[in-house]
Amino acid sequence: MYIDPNTGGILFQVLAGILATLSGVLFFFSRKIREGLARMRRKLRGGEEEKEYTSSKDVSRRAH
């Protein structure tokens, strides 16, 4: 199958844009993804009760 050089360039640009978008979304939502995966792992390990998640921001707000 022959792909014209211009078509190959367009395909490359589209794939590069998709890859950049996906990596940006993963970076932006990385904390929520990690928390969700950790929650799923805890449930699969034996149904341990979920502990309340407190971030450093929550702790610093309470201290003031």
N, C-alpha and C. Protein backbone atom coordinates (compact mmCIF):
# COMPACT_ATOMS: atom_id res chain seq x y z
N MET A 1 0.84 -1.17 0.00
CA MET A 1 0.00 0.00 0.00
C MET A 1 0.90 1.24 0.00
N TYR A 2 0.62 2.15 -0.87
CA TYR A 2 1.41 3.37 -1.01
C TYR A 2 0.73 4.51 -0.26
N ILE A 3 1.52 5.22 0.57
CA ILE A 3 1.01 6.40 1.27
C ILE A 3 1.79 7.60 0.75
N ASP A 4 1.10 8.55 0.20
CA ASP A 4 1.70 9.77 -0.32
C ASP A 4 2.43 10.49 0.82
N PRO A 5 3.58 11.12 0.55
CA PRO A 5 4.31 11.82 1.62
C PRO A 5 3.47 12.86 2.36
N ASN A 6 2.63 13.59 1.66
CA ASN A 6 1.79 14.59 2.32
C ASN A 6 0.79 13.92 3.25
N THR A 7 0.23 12.79 2.82
CA THR A 7 -0.72 12.06 3.66
C THR A 7 -0.02 11.52 4.90
N GLY A 8 1.19 11.02 4.74
CA GLY A 8 1.96 10.53 5.87
C GLY A 8 2.25 11.64 6.87
N GLY A 9 2.55 12.83 6.38
CA GLY A 9 2.81 13.97 7.26
C GLY A 9 1.58 14.38 8.04
N ILE A 10 0.43 14.37 7.36
CA ILE A 10 -0.82 14.71 8.04
C ILE A 10 -1.15 13.66 9.10
N LEU A 11 -0.98 12.39 8.76
CA LEU A 11 -1.24 11.32 9.73
C LEU A 11 -0.33 11.46 10.95
N PHE A 12 0.94 11.78 10.70
CA PHE A 12 1.88 11.97 11.81
C PHE A 12 1.45 13.12 12.69
N GLN A 13 1.02 14.23 12.11
CA GLN A 13 0.59 15.39 12.89
C GLN A 13 -0.65 15.07 13.72
N VAL A 14 -1.58 14.31 13.14
CA VAL A 14 -2.79 13.94 13.87
C VAL A 14 -2.43 13.03 15.05
N LEU A 15 -1.58 12.03 14.80
CA LEU A 15 -1.17 11.12 15.88
C LEU A 15 -0.38 11.87 16.96
N ALA A 16 0.46 12.82 16.58
CA ALA A 16 1.21 13.60 17.56
C ALA A 16 0.27 14.44 18.41
N GLY A 17 -0.76 15.02 17.79
CA GLY A 17 -1.74 15.80 18.54
C GLY A 17 -2.53 14.95 19.51
N ILE A 18 -2.92 13.76 19.07
CA ILE A 18 -3.66 12.84 19.96
C ILE A 18 -2.79 12.43 21.14
N LEU A 19 -1.53 12.10 20.87
CA LEU A 19 -0.61 11.71 21.95
C LEU A 19 -0.39 12.85 22.94
N ALA A 20 -0.23 14.07 22.43
CA ALA A 20 -0.04 15.22 23.31
C ALA A 20 -1.28 15.47 24.17
N THR A 21 -2.46 15.33 23.58
CA THR A 21 -3.70 15.53 24.33
C THR A 21 -3.85 14.48 25.42
N LEU A 22 -3.60 13.22 25.08
CA LEU A 22 -3.73 12.15 26.07
C LEU A 22 -2.73 12.32 27.21
N SER A 23 -1.50 12.70 26.89
CA SER A 23 -0.51 12.88 27.96
C SER A 23 -0.89 14.07 28.85
N GLY A 24 -1.44 15.12 28.26
CA GLY A 24 -1.88 16.27 29.06
C GLY A 24 -3.02 15.90 29.99
N VAL A 25 -3.98 15.13 29.49
CA VAL A 25 -5.11 14.70 30.32
C VAL A 25 -4.62 13.82 31.45
N LEU A 26 -3.73 12.88 31.14
CA LEU A 26 -3.19 12.00 32.19
C LEU A 26 -2.44 12.81 33.24
N PHE A 27 -1.66 13.80 32.82
CA PHE A 27 -0.93 14.63 33.77
C PHE A 27 -1.88 15.45 34.63
N PHE A 28 -2.90 16.02 34.00
CA PHE A 28 -3.85 16.89 34.71
C PHE A 28 -4.65 16.11 35.75
N PHE A 29 -5.06 14.88 35.42
CA PHE A 29 -5.88 14.08 36.32
C PHE A 29 -5.10 12.99 37.03
N SER A 30 -3.78 13.10 37.09
CA SER A 30 -2.96 12.03 37.65
C SER A 30 -3.28 11.75 39.12
N ARG A 31 -3.53 12.78 39.90
CA ARG A 31 -3.83 12.58 41.32
C ARG A 31 -5.14 11.81 41.50
N LYS A 32 -6.17 12.20 40.75
CA LYS A 32 -7.46 11.53 40.86
C LYS A 32 -7.37 10.09 40.37
N ILE A 33 -6.58 9.85 39.33
CA ILE A 33 -6.40 8.50 38.81
C ILE A 33 -5.71 7.63 39.86
N ARG A 34 -4.63 8.16 40.48
CA ARG A 34 -3.92 7.40 41.51
C ARG A 34 -4.82 7.10 42.71
N GLU A 35 -5.61 8.09 43.13
CA GLU A 35 -6.51 7.88 44.27
C GLU A 35 -7.56 6.82 43.94
N GLY A 36 -8.10 6.86 42.73
CA GLY A 36 -9.10 5.87 42.32
C GLY A 36 -8.51 4.48 42.27
N LEU A 37 -7.29 4.35 41.73
CA LEU A 37 -6.64 3.04 41.68
C LEU A 37 -6.34 2.51 43.08
N ALA A 38 -5.90 3.39 43.96
CA ALA A 38 -5.60 2.97 45.34
C ALA A 38 -6.88 2.52 46.03
N ARG A 39 -7.98 3.22 45.80
CA ARG A 39 -9.27 2.85 46.39
C ARG A 39 -9.72 1.48 45.88
N MET A 40 -9.53 1.24 44.58
CA MET A 40 -9.90 -0.06 44.01
C MET A 40 -9.04 -1.18 44.59
N ARG A 41 -7.73 -0.91 44.75
CA ARG A 41 -6.84 -1.92 45.33
C ARG A 41 -7.25 -2.27 46.76
N ARG A 42 -7.61 -1.24 47.55
CA ARG A 42 -8.03 -1.50 48.93
C ARG A 42 -9.28 -2.36 48.97
N LYS A 43 -10.22 -2.10 48.07
CA LYS A 43 -11.45 -2.89 48.03
C LYS A 43 -11.16 -4.33 47.63
N LEU A 44 -10.24 -4.53 46.70
CA LEU A 44 -9.92 -5.87 46.23
C LEU A 44 -9.12 -6.67 47.26
N ARG A 45 -8.38 -6.00 48.12
CA ARG A 45 -7.54 -6.69 49.11
C ARG A 45 -8.35 -7.32 50.24
N GLY A 46 -9.55 -6.88 50.45
CA GLY A 46 -10.32 -7.49 51.51
C GLY A 46 -11.37 -6.58 52.09
N GLY A 47 -11.67 -5.52 51.44
CA GLY A 47 -12.73 -4.65 51.90
C GLY A 47 -12.41 -3.88 53.14
N GLU A 48 -11.13 -3.54 53.32
CA GLU A 48 -10.78 -2.73 54.49
C GLU A 48 -11.55 -1.42 54.43
N GLU A 49 -11.89 -0.88 55.57
CA GLU A 49 -12.62 0.37 55.60
C GLU A 49 -11.75 1.48 55.02
N GLU A 50 -12.38 2.34 54.22
CA GLU A 50 -11.65 3.45 53.65
C GLU A 50 -11.33 4.48 54.71
N LYS A 51 -10.08 4.89 54.72
CA LYS A 51 -9.68 5.96 55.64
C LYS A 51 -9.86 7.28 54.92
N GLU A 52 -10.22 8.30 55.67
CA GLU A 52 -10.44 9.60 55.07
C GLU A 52 -9.12 10.14 54.56
N TYR A 53 -9.12 10.57 53.32
CA TYR A 53 -7.91 11.12 52.71
C TYR A 53 -7.74 12.57 53.13
N THR A 54 -6.58 12.88 53.70
CA THR A 54 -6.29 14.27 54.04
C THR A 54 -5.02 14.67 53.34
N SER A 55 -5.10 15.66 52.53
CA SER A 55 -3.91 16.14 51.83
C SER A 55 -3.19 17.16 52.71
N SER A 56 -2.01 17.53 52.29
CA SER A 56 -1.25 18.50 53.07
C SER A 56 -1.96 19.85 53.09
N LYS A 57 -2.75 20.15 52.04
CA LYS A 57 -3.49 21.41 52.03
C LYS A 57 -4.55 21.41 53.13
N ASP A 58 -5.24 20.27 53.31
CA ASP A 58 -6.27 20.19 54.34
C ASP A 58 -5.66 20.35 55.73
N VAL A 59 -4.50 19.73 55.94
CA VAL A 59 -3.85 19.80 57.23
C VAL A 59 -3.41 21.23 57.51
N SER A 60 -2.86 21.91 56.51
CA SER A 60 -2.39 23.28 56.74
C SER A 60 -3.54 24.22 56.99
N ARG A 61 -4.70 23.99 56.38
CA ARG A 61 -5.86 24.83 56.63
C ARG A 61 -6.36 24.67 58.06
N ARG A 62 -6.34 23.45 58.54
CA ARG A 62 -6.81 23.19 59.91
C ARG A 62 -5.90 23.81 60.95
N ALA A 63 -4.60 23.92 60.63
CA ALA A 63 -3.64 24.43 61.60
C ALA A 63 -3.79 25.92 61.81
N HIS A 64 -4.32 26.63 60.80
CA HIS A 64 -4.43 28.09 60.94
C HIS A 64 -5.65 28.46 61.63
